[in-house]
Amino acid sequence: MSGDAPLVLPPGARAVLRAPDALTRVLAAIDSDPERRWLLRRPRALRRSFVEHVIDHGGGTAVQRRWMLEQDDDVRASYVSEVLERAREPDREAIWLLCQDDAVRASYVADVLDVCT
């Protein structure tokens, strides 16, 4: 959910995101980017979902936000604690939004993200 630029992946990144958990955890341990590290530590099914719903749909900011807002409480909470709250300047708006209940998040998707796309 960070930044306003579309997601750009280096060569081979798609294959890595679909790789077995053991491999991605090793890669996460040596990656310096908090968002990549977070995603690489997630279960394979979640990483595949990211590829399918974000990367395969252009990787734009709205697509990334929609995907994250539609994740379950545990996934969103881990992103908040492992990525957003550890940032030099935490994105308080994103933290607030990701901590809202289903109805608020669905309303944001419908009234903000869907209107912009």
C-alpha atoms as a PDB file:
ATOM      1  CA  MET A   1       0.000   0.000   0.000  1.00  0.00           C
ATOM      2  CA  SER A   2       2.908   2.353  -0.180  1.00  0.00           C
ATOM      3  CA  GLY A   3       3.687   4.952  -2.792  1.00  0.00           C
ATOM      4  CA  ASP A   4       1.652   6.125  -5.740  1.00  0.00           C
ATOM      5  CA  ALA A   5       3.692   4.515  -8.502  1.00  0.00           C
ATOM      6  CA  PRO A   6       2.701   1.244 -10.159  1.00  0.00           C
ATOM      7  CA  LEU A   7       4.526  -1.804  -8.935  1.00  0.00           C
ATOM      8  CA  VAL A   8       7.518  -2.673 -11.110  1.00  0.00           C
ATOM      9  CA  LEU A   9       9.076  -6.100 -10.601  1.00  0.00           C
ATOM     10  CA  PRO A  10      12.584  -7.164 -11.531  1.00  0.00           C
ATOM     11  CA  PRO A  11      13.050 -10.143 -13.870  1.00  0.00           C
ATOM     12  CA  GLY A  12      12.214 -13.409 -12.128  1.00  0.00           C
ATOM     13  CA  ALA A  13      10.188 -11.806  -9.334  1.00  0.00           C
ATOM     14  CA  ARG A  14       6.952 -13.421 -10.453  1.00  0.00           C
ATOM     15  CA  ALA A  15       8.546 -16.880 -10.247  1.00  0.00           C
ATOM     16  CA  VAL A  16       9.989 -16.084  -6.827  1.00  0.00           C
ATOM     17  CA  LEU A  17       6.592 -15.018  -5.490  1.00  0.00           C
ATOM     18  CA  ARG A  18       5.167 -18.359  -6.621  1.00  0.00           C
ATOM     19  CA  ALA A  19       8.096 -20.348  -5.178  1.00  0.00           C
ATOM     20  CA  PRO A  20       7.889 -22.664  -2.153  1.00  0.00           C
ATOM     21  CA  ASP A  21       7.877 -21.061   1.290  1.00  0.00           C
ATOM     22  CA  ALA A  22      11.337 -22.377   2.216  1.00  0.00           C
ATOM     23  CA  LEU A  23      12.932 -20.490  -0.672  1.00  0.00           C
ATOM     24  CA  THR A  24      11.065 -17.230  -0.143  1.00  0.00           C
ATOM     25  CA  ARG A  25      11.883 -17.175   3.572  1.00  0.00           C
ATOM     26  CA  VAL A  26      15.593 -17.425   2.749  1.00  0.00           C
ATOM     27  CA  LEU A  27      15.243 -14.566   0.284  1.00  0.00           C
ATOM     28  CA  ALA A  28      13.267 -12.520   2.817  1.00  0.00           C
ATOM     29  CA  ALA A  29      16.093 -12.865   5.320  1.00  0.00           C
ATOM     30  CA  ILE A  30      18.521 -11.123   2.985  1.00  0.00           C
ATOM     31  CA  ASP A  31      16.179  -8.534   1.429  1.00  0.00           C
ATOM     32  CA  SER A  32      16.491  -5.008   2.817  1.00  0.00           C
ATOM     33  CA  ASP A  33      13.096  -3.722   1.631  1.00  0.00           C
ATOM     34  CA  PRO A  34      10.432  -4.082   4.373  1.00  0.00           C
ATOM     35  CA  GLU A  35       7.525  -4.575   1.952  1.00  0.00           C
ATOM     36  CA  ARG A  36       9.288  -7.235  -0.103  1.00  0.00           C
ATOM     37  CA  ARG A  37      10.491  -8.933   3.082  1.00  0.00           C
ATOM     38  CA  TRP A  38       6.939  -8.937   4.444  1.00  0.00           C
ATOM     39  CA  LEU A  39       5.474 -10.413   1.254  1.00  0.00           C
ATOM     40  CA  LEU A  40       8.199 -13.052   0.937  1.00  0.00           C
ATOM     41  CA  ARG A  41       7.438 -14.232   4.489  1.00  0.00           C
ATOM     42  CA  ARG A  42       3.753 -14.792   3.732  1.00  0.00           C
ATOM     43  CA  PRO A  43       2.403 -18.248   2.815  1.00  0.00           C
ATOM     44  CA  ARG A  44       2.609 -19.299  -0.806  1.00  0.00           C
ATOM     45  CA  ALA A  45      -1.168 -19.049  -1.297  1.00  0.00           C
ATOM     46  CA  LEU A  46      -1.140 -15.394  -0.268  1.00  0.00           C
ATOM     47  CA  ARG A  47       1.811 -14.615  -2.519  1.00  0.00           C
ATOM     48  CA  ARG A  48       0.006 -16.322  -5.419  1.00  0.00           C
ATOM     49  CA  SER A  49      -3.048 -14.214  -4.668  1.00  0.00           C
ATOM     50  CA  PHE A  50      -0.845 -11.115  -4.837  1.00  0.00           C
ATOM     51  CA  VAL A  51       0.493 -12.172  -8.237  1.00  0.00           C
ATOM     52  CA  GLU A  52      -2.985 -12.957  -9.548  1.00  0.00           C
ATOM     53  CA  HIS A  53      -4.832  -9.903  -8.192  1.00  0.00           C
ATOM     54  CA  VAL A  54      -2.132  -7.227  -8.216  1.00  0.00           C
ATOM     55  CA  ILE A  55       0.642  -8.025 -10.668  1.00  0.00           C
ATOM     56  CA  ASP A  56      -1.638  -9.561 -13.297  1.00  0.00           C
ATOM     57  CA  HIS A  57      -3.841  -6.445 -13.094  1.00  0.00           C
ATOM     58  CA  GLY A  58      -1.087  -3.923 -13.741  1.00  0.00           C
ATOM     59  CA  GLY A  59       0.212  -3.411 -10.210  1.00  0.00           C
ATOM     60  CA  GLY A  60      -1.242   0.090  -9.897  1.00  0.00           C
ATOM     61  CA  THR A  61      -1.686   1.778  -6.548  1.00  0.00           C
ATOM     62  CA  ALA A  62      -5.466   1.283  -6.451  1.00  0.00           C
ATOM     63  CA  VAL A  63      -5.072  -2.418  -7.287  1.00  0.00           C
ATOM     64  CA  GLN A  64      -2.473  -2.836  -4.524  1.00  0.00           C
ATOM     65  CA  ARG A  65      -4.678  -1.033  -1.996  1.00  0.00           C
ATOM     66  CA  ARG A  66      -7.763  -3.040  -2.940  1.00  0.00           C
ATOM     67  CA  TRP A  67      -5.865  -6.315  -2.510  1.00  0.00           C
ATOM     68  CA  MET A  68      -4.569  -5.335   0.927  1.00  0.00           C
ATOM     69  CA  LEU A  69      -7.919  -3.974   2.116  1.00  0.00           C
ATOM     70  CA  GLU A  70      -9.584  -7.254   1.148  1.00  0.00           C
ATOM     71  CA  GLN A  71      -7.168  -9.387   3.181  1.00  0.00           C
ATOM     72  CA  ASP A  72      -8.121 -10.914   6.525  1.00  0.00           C
ATOM     73  CA  ASP A  73      -7.368  -9.309   9.890  1.00  0.00           C
ATOM     74  CA  ASP A  74      -4.154 -11.264  10.505  1.00  0.00           C
ATOM     75  CA  VAL A  75      -2.634 -10.377   7.141  1.00  0.00           C
ATOM     76  CA  ARG A  76      -3.467  -6.685   7.482  1.00  0.00           C
ATOM     77  CA  ALA A  77      -2.260  -6.551  11.090  1.00  0.00           C
ATOM     78  CA  SER A  78       1.052  -8.134  10.158  1.00  0.00           C
ATOM     79  CA  TYR A  79       1.528  -5.595   7.343  1.00  0.00           C
ATOM     80  CA  VAL A  80       0.782  -2.743   9.737  1.00  0.00           C
ATOM     81  CA  SER A  81       3.165  -3.987  12.427  1.00  0.00           C
ATOM     82  CA  GLU A  82       5.975  -5.260  10.192  1.00  0.00           C
ATOM     83  CA  VAL A  83       5.958  -2.577   7.487  1.00  0.00           C
ATOM     84  CA  LEU A  84       3.928   0.545   8.174  1.00  0.00           C
ATOM     85  CA  GLU A  85       4.659   1.089  11.871  1.00  0.00           C
ATOM     86  CA  ARG A  86       8.380   0.469  11.372  1.00  0.00           C
ATOM     87  CA  ALA A  87       8.733   3.076   8.640  1.00  0.00           C
ATOM     88  CA  ARG A  88      10.804   6.164   9.347  1.00  0.00           C
ATOM     89  CA  GLU A  89       7.611   8.180   8.840  1.00  0.00           C
ATOM     90  CA  PRO A  90       4.652   5.828   9.367  1.00  0.00           C
ATOM     91  CA  ASP A  91       1.679   6.354   7.056  1.00  0.00           C
ATOM     92  CA  ARG A  92      -0.945   6.982   9.740  1.00  0.00           C
ATOM     93  CA  GLU A  93      -3.789   7.140   7.207  1.00  0.00           C
ATOM     94  CA  ALA A  94      -2.925   3.692   5.807  1.00  0.00           C
ATOM     95  CA  ILE A  95      -2.560   2.291   9.322  1.00  0.00           C
ATOM     96  CA  TRP A  96      -5.943   3.680  10.306  1.00  0.00           C
ATOM     97  CA  LEU A  97      -7.639   2.357   7.179  1.00  0.00           C
ATOM     98  CA  LEU A  98      -6.158  -1.132   7.471  1.00  0.00           C
ATOM     99  CA  CYS A  99      -7.350  -1.349  11.084  1.00  0.00           C
ATOM    100  CA  GLN A 100     -10.986  -0.595  10.226  1.00  0.00           C
ATOM    101  CA  ASP A 101     -13.778  -3.166  10.146  1.00  0.00           C
ATOM    102  CA  ASP A 102     -15.018  -4.869   6.987  1.00  0.00           C
ATOM    103  CA  ALA A 103     -17.786  -2.335   6.318  1.00  0.00           C
ATOM    104  CA  VAL A 104     -15.481   0.693   6.440  1.00  0.00           C
ATOM    105  CA  ARG A 105     -12.874  -0.963   4.222  1.00  0.00           C
ATOM    106  CA  ALA A 106     -15.543  -2.107   1.726  1.00  0.00           C
ATOM    107  CA  SER A 107     -16.948   1.412   1.640  1.00  0.00           C
ATOM    108  CA  TYR A 108     -13.497   2.828   0.895  1.00  0.00           C
ATOM    109  CA  VAL A 109     -13.033   0.352  -1.941  1.00  0.00           C
ATOM    110  CA  ALA A 110     -16.466   1.132  -3.412  1.00  0.00           C
ATOM    111  CA  ASP A 111     -16.533   4.893  -2.867  1.00  0.00           C
ATOM    112  CA  VAL A 112     -12.891   5.772  -3.449  1.00  0.00           C
ATOM    113  CA  LEU A 113     -10.969   3.064  -5.305  1.00  0.00           C
ATOM    114  CA  ASP A 114     -13.769   1.981  -7.649  1.00  0.00           C
ATOM    115  CA  VAL A 115     -14.552   5.596  -8.525  1.00  0.00           C
ATOM    116  CA  CYS A 116     -10.929   6.245  -9.480  1.00  0.00           C
ATOM    117  CA  THR A 117     -10.585   3.224 -11.776  1.00  0.00           C
END
